[in-house]
């Protein structure tokens, strides 16, 4: 999956959760979009479902910007074998 394809899916999910359409790679979920913890939890659950990954809570806190999620999904194959990171 390309970065552009991943970004399109992220945009779709963020719109579903927040109603916000405009995102860039530098968009911060909390600072720029003012998402609360429930919004973030719903967004992460949607990421897990759409990308067929399991995102541990410790990794969620590392995903502040759209760019972080794109990189995480791109690198999923490399991190999926680590403890706590299993495919759904």
Protein backbone atom coordinates (compact mmCIF):
# COMPACT_ATOMS: atom_id res chain seq x y z
CA UNK A 1 0.00 0.00 0.00
CA UNK A 2 1.37 3.42 -0.92
CA UNK A 3 1.59 6.43 1.38
CA UNK A 4 -1.08 8.12 -0.72
CA UNK A 5 -3.47 5.17 -0.33
CA UNK A 6 -2.85 5.07 3.42
CA UNK A 7 -3.41 8.83 3.66
CA UNK A 8 -6.72 8.55 1.78
CA UNK A 9 -7.95 5.92 4.25
CA UNK A 10 -6.80 8.02 7.22
CA UNK A 11 -8.67 11.04 5.79
CA UNK A 12 -11.81 8.93 5.45
CA UNK A 13 -11.55 7.68 9.04
CA UNK A 14 -10.80 11.12 10.50
CA UNK A 15 -13.78 12.56 8.63
CA UNK A 16 -16.00 9.79 10.00
CA UNK A 17 -14.79 10.39 13.57
CA UNK A 18 -14.51 14.19 13.55
CA UNK A 19 -16.28 15.61 10.51
CA UNK A 20 -13.02 17.27 9.46
CA UNK A 21 -11.99 16.83 5.83
CA UNK A 22 -8.73 18.75 5.53
CA UNK A 23 -5.59 16.87 6.63
CA UNK A 24 -1.92 17.09 5.81
CA UNK A 25 0.90 14.81 6.83
CA UNK A 26 1.72 17.34 9.58
CA UNK A 27 -1.80 17.52 11.04
CA UNK A 28 -1.74 16.80 14.77
CA UNK A 29 -4.79 14.87 15.92
CA UNK A 30 -5.10 16.60 19.29
CA UNK A 31 -3.53 20.03 18.74
CA UNK A 32 -4.92 20.75 15.26
CA UNK A 33 -8.15 18.74 15.26
CA UNK A 34 -8.95 19.01 18.99
CA UNK A 35 -9.81 15.31 19.19
CA UNK A 36 -10.55 14.07 22.70
CA UNK A 37 -9.58 10.68 24.12
CA UNK A 38 -12.83 9.03 22.97
CA UNK A 39 -12.30 10.38 19.44
CA UNK A 40 -8.75 9.03 19.43
CA UNK A 41 -9.92 5.63 20.71
CA UNK A 42 -12.58 5.44 17.97
CA UNK A 43 -10.06 6.51 15.36
CA UNK A 44 -7.51 3.89 16.45
CA UNK A 45 -10.19 1.18 16.43
CA UNK A 46 -11.07 2.20 12.88
CA UNK A 47 -7.37 2.14 11.88
CA UNK A 48 -7.06 -1.36 13.29
CA UNK A 49 -10.11 -2.56 11.39
CA UNK A 50 -9.32 -0.93 8.04
CA UNK A 51 -5.61 -1.78 8.02
CA UNK A 52 -6.04 -5.19 9.70
CA UNK A 53 -3.47 -4.43 12.41
CA UNK A 54 -3.40 -4.47 16.20
CA UNK A 55 -2.09 -1.20 17.65
CA UNK A 56 -0.91 -1.49 21.27
CA UNK A 57 -1.67 1.45 23.57
CA UNK A 58 2.05 2.15 23.89
CA UNK A 59 2.17 2.74 20.13
CA UNK A 60 -0.96 4.91 20.08
CA UNK A 61 0.81 7.59 22.11
CA UNK A 62 3.54 7.73 19.46
CA UNK A 63 1.01 8.61 16.73
CA UNK A 64 0.43 12.32 17.27
CA UNK A 65 0.41 13.34 13.61
CA UNK A 66 -0.99 11.89 10.41
CA UNK A 67 2.60 11.25 9.29
CA UNK A 68 3.14 8.97 12.32
CA UNK A 69 0.18 6.77 11.38
CA UNK A 70 1.25 6.54 7.73
CA UNK A 71 4.76 5.48 8.79
CA UNK A 72 3.38 3.01 11.34
CA UNK A 73 1.16 1.32 8.76
CA UNK A 74 3.96 1.31 6.15
CA UNK A 75 6.29 -0.32 8.66
CA UNK A 76 3.72 -2.76 10.06
CA UNK A 77 5.41 -5.80 8.50
CA UNK A 78 8.62 -4.91 10.32
CA UNK A 79 7.00 -4.40 13.73
CA UNK A 80 4.30 -7.08 13.61
CA UNK A 81 6.67 -9.77 14.84
CA UNK A 82 7.54 -7.88 18.02
CA UNK A 83 5.89 -8.74 21.35
CA UNK A 84 2.43 -7.21 21.66
CA UNK A 85 2.10 -6.66 17.93
CA UNK A 86 -0.02 -9.29 16.29
CA UNK A 87 -2.20 -9.26 13.23
CA UNK A 88 -5.94 -9.45 13.72
